[in-house]
Amino acid sequence: MVADRGYDTRAILDLVAAHGGRGHIPTQWDRKVQRSVDPAIFRQRNLVERFFNELTHFRMIVTRYEKSARNYLAAVLIACSRLWLRHYESAS
């Protein structure tokens, strides 16, 4: 699990470990023992967070106009496709 410094609690890390996972959570600055976090993994987390931020620019997604789960998922997929196409067009 990759998370922000705000989730740096022993309880969360123990819960993740109990389910067989490993927590990649940087420690707060005021902790005596600092955990190291792989920068490459944390960079990937940043990319995912920025993608969800871009997804919130679609008013239909944020206000959840579609009430059924099937239609809402379709709207999310369309918005994701538009974001991917925008990125793909700017890269080529």
Protein backbone atom coordinates (compact mmCIF):
# COMPACT_ATOMS: atom_id res chain seq x y z
CA MET A 1 0.00 0.00 0.00
CA VAL A 2 1.34 3.41 -0.95
CA ALA A 3 0.03 6.43 0.95
CA ASP A 4 0.86 9.95 2.13
CA ARG A 5 2.53 10.94 5.37
CA GLY A 6 -0.89 11.54 6.88
CA TYR A 7 -1.43 7.78 7.08
CA ASP A 8 1.76 7.18 9.04
CA THR A 9 0.32 5.38 12.06
CA ARG A 10 1.36 2.11 13.59
CA ALA A 11 -2.25 0.85 13.46
CA ILE A 12 -2.47 1.26 9.68
CA LEU A 13 0.92 -0.35 9.09
CA ASP A 14 -0.05 -3.29 11.33
CA LEU A 15 -3.36 -3.71 9.49
CA VAL A 16 -1.60 -3.78 6.12
CA ALA A 17 0.96 -6.29 7.41
CA ALA A 18 -1.82 -8.49 8.87
CA HIS A 19 -3.35 -8.76 5.39
CA GLY A 20 -0.01 -9.75 3.87
CA GLY A 21 0.89 -6.38 2.38
CA ARG A 22 3.71 -3.95 2.81
CA GLY A 23 3.21 -0.27 3.54
CA HIS A 24 5.16 2.29 1.54
CA ILE A 25 4.30 5.28 3.70
CA PRO A 26 6.91 7.96 4.45
CA THR A 27 7.27 8.82 8.12
CA GLN A 28 6.38 12.13 9.67
CA TRP A 29 9.27 14.54 10.08
CA ASP A 30 9.08 14.48 13.86
CA ARG A 31 9.56 10.69 14.25
CA LYS A 32 12.80 9.42 15.73
CA VAL A 33 12.99 6.36 13.47
CA GLN A 34 12.58 7.25 9.80
CA ARG A 35 11.44 4.53 7.36
CA SER A 36 12.85 4.58 3.87
CA VAL A 37 10.45 4.58 0.95
CA ASP A 38 11.36 3.61 -2.60
CA PRO A 39 11.21 6.85 -4.64
CA ALA A 40 10.15 5.02 -7.82
CA ILE A 41 7.08 3.55 -6.11
CA PHE A 42 6.19 6.89 -4.57
CA ARG A 43 6.53 8.57 -8.00
CA GLN A 44 4.03 6.09 -9.45
CA ARG A 45 1.61 7.00 -6.65
CA ASN A 46 1.92 10.63 -7.66
CA LEU A 47 0.98 9.77 -11.26
CA VAL A 48 -2.15 7.96 -10.10
CA GLU A 49 -3.11 10.84 -7.83
CA ARG A 50 -2.69 13.35 -10.66
CA PHE A 51 -4.84 11.17 -12.94
CA PHE A 52 -7.69 11.14 -10.42
CA ASN A 53 -7.32 14.90 -10.10
CA GLU A 54 -7.76 15.23 -13.87
CA LEU A 55 -10.79 12.94 -13.68
CA THR A 56 -12.46 15.34 -11.25
CA HIS A 57 -12.51 18.02 -13.96
CA PHE A 58 -15.36 16.13 -15.61
CA ARG A 59 -18.50 17.56 -14.08
CA MET A 60 -20.55 14.49 -14.95
CA ILE A 61 -18.23 12.31 -12.87
CA VAL A 62 -17.89 14.60 -9.86
CA THR A 63 -21.60 15.33 -9.41
CA ARG A 64 -22.55 11.75 -10.34
CA TYR A 65 -25.33 12.57 -12.76
CA GLU A 66 -25.72 8.89 -13.58
CA LYS A 67 -27.36 7.14 -10.64
CA SER A 68 -27.04 3.52 -11.74
CA ALA A 69 -23.65 1.88 -11.23
CA ARG A 70 -23.52 0.59 -14.83
CA ASN A 71 -24.10 4.02 -16.37
CA TYR A 72 -21.72 5.71 -13.94
CA LEU A 73 -18.97 3.21 -14.78
CA ALA A 74 -19.58 3.85 -18.47
CA ALA A 75 -19.23 7.61 -17.88
CA VAL A 76 -15.99 7.08 -15.96
CA LEU A 77 -14.62 4.90 -18.76
CA ILE A 78 -15.50 7.52 -21.36
CA ALA A 79 -13.82 10.23 -19.30
CA CYS A 80 -10.72 8.05 -18.84
CA SER A 81 -10.62 7.40 -22.57
CA ARG A 82 -10.78 11.13 -23.28
CA LEU A 83 -7.93 11.77 -20.85
CA TRP A 84 -5.85 9.00 -22.42
CA LEU A 85 -6.51 10.32 -25.93
CA ARG A 86 -5.57 13.84 -24.85
CA HIS A 87 -2.29 12.53 -23.44
CA TYR A 88 -1.66 10.31 -26.47
CA GLU A 89 -2.24 13.16 -28.94
CA SER A 90 0.07 15.52 -27.10
CA ALA A 91 2.84 12.89 -26.96
CA SER A 92 2.93 12.19 -30.69
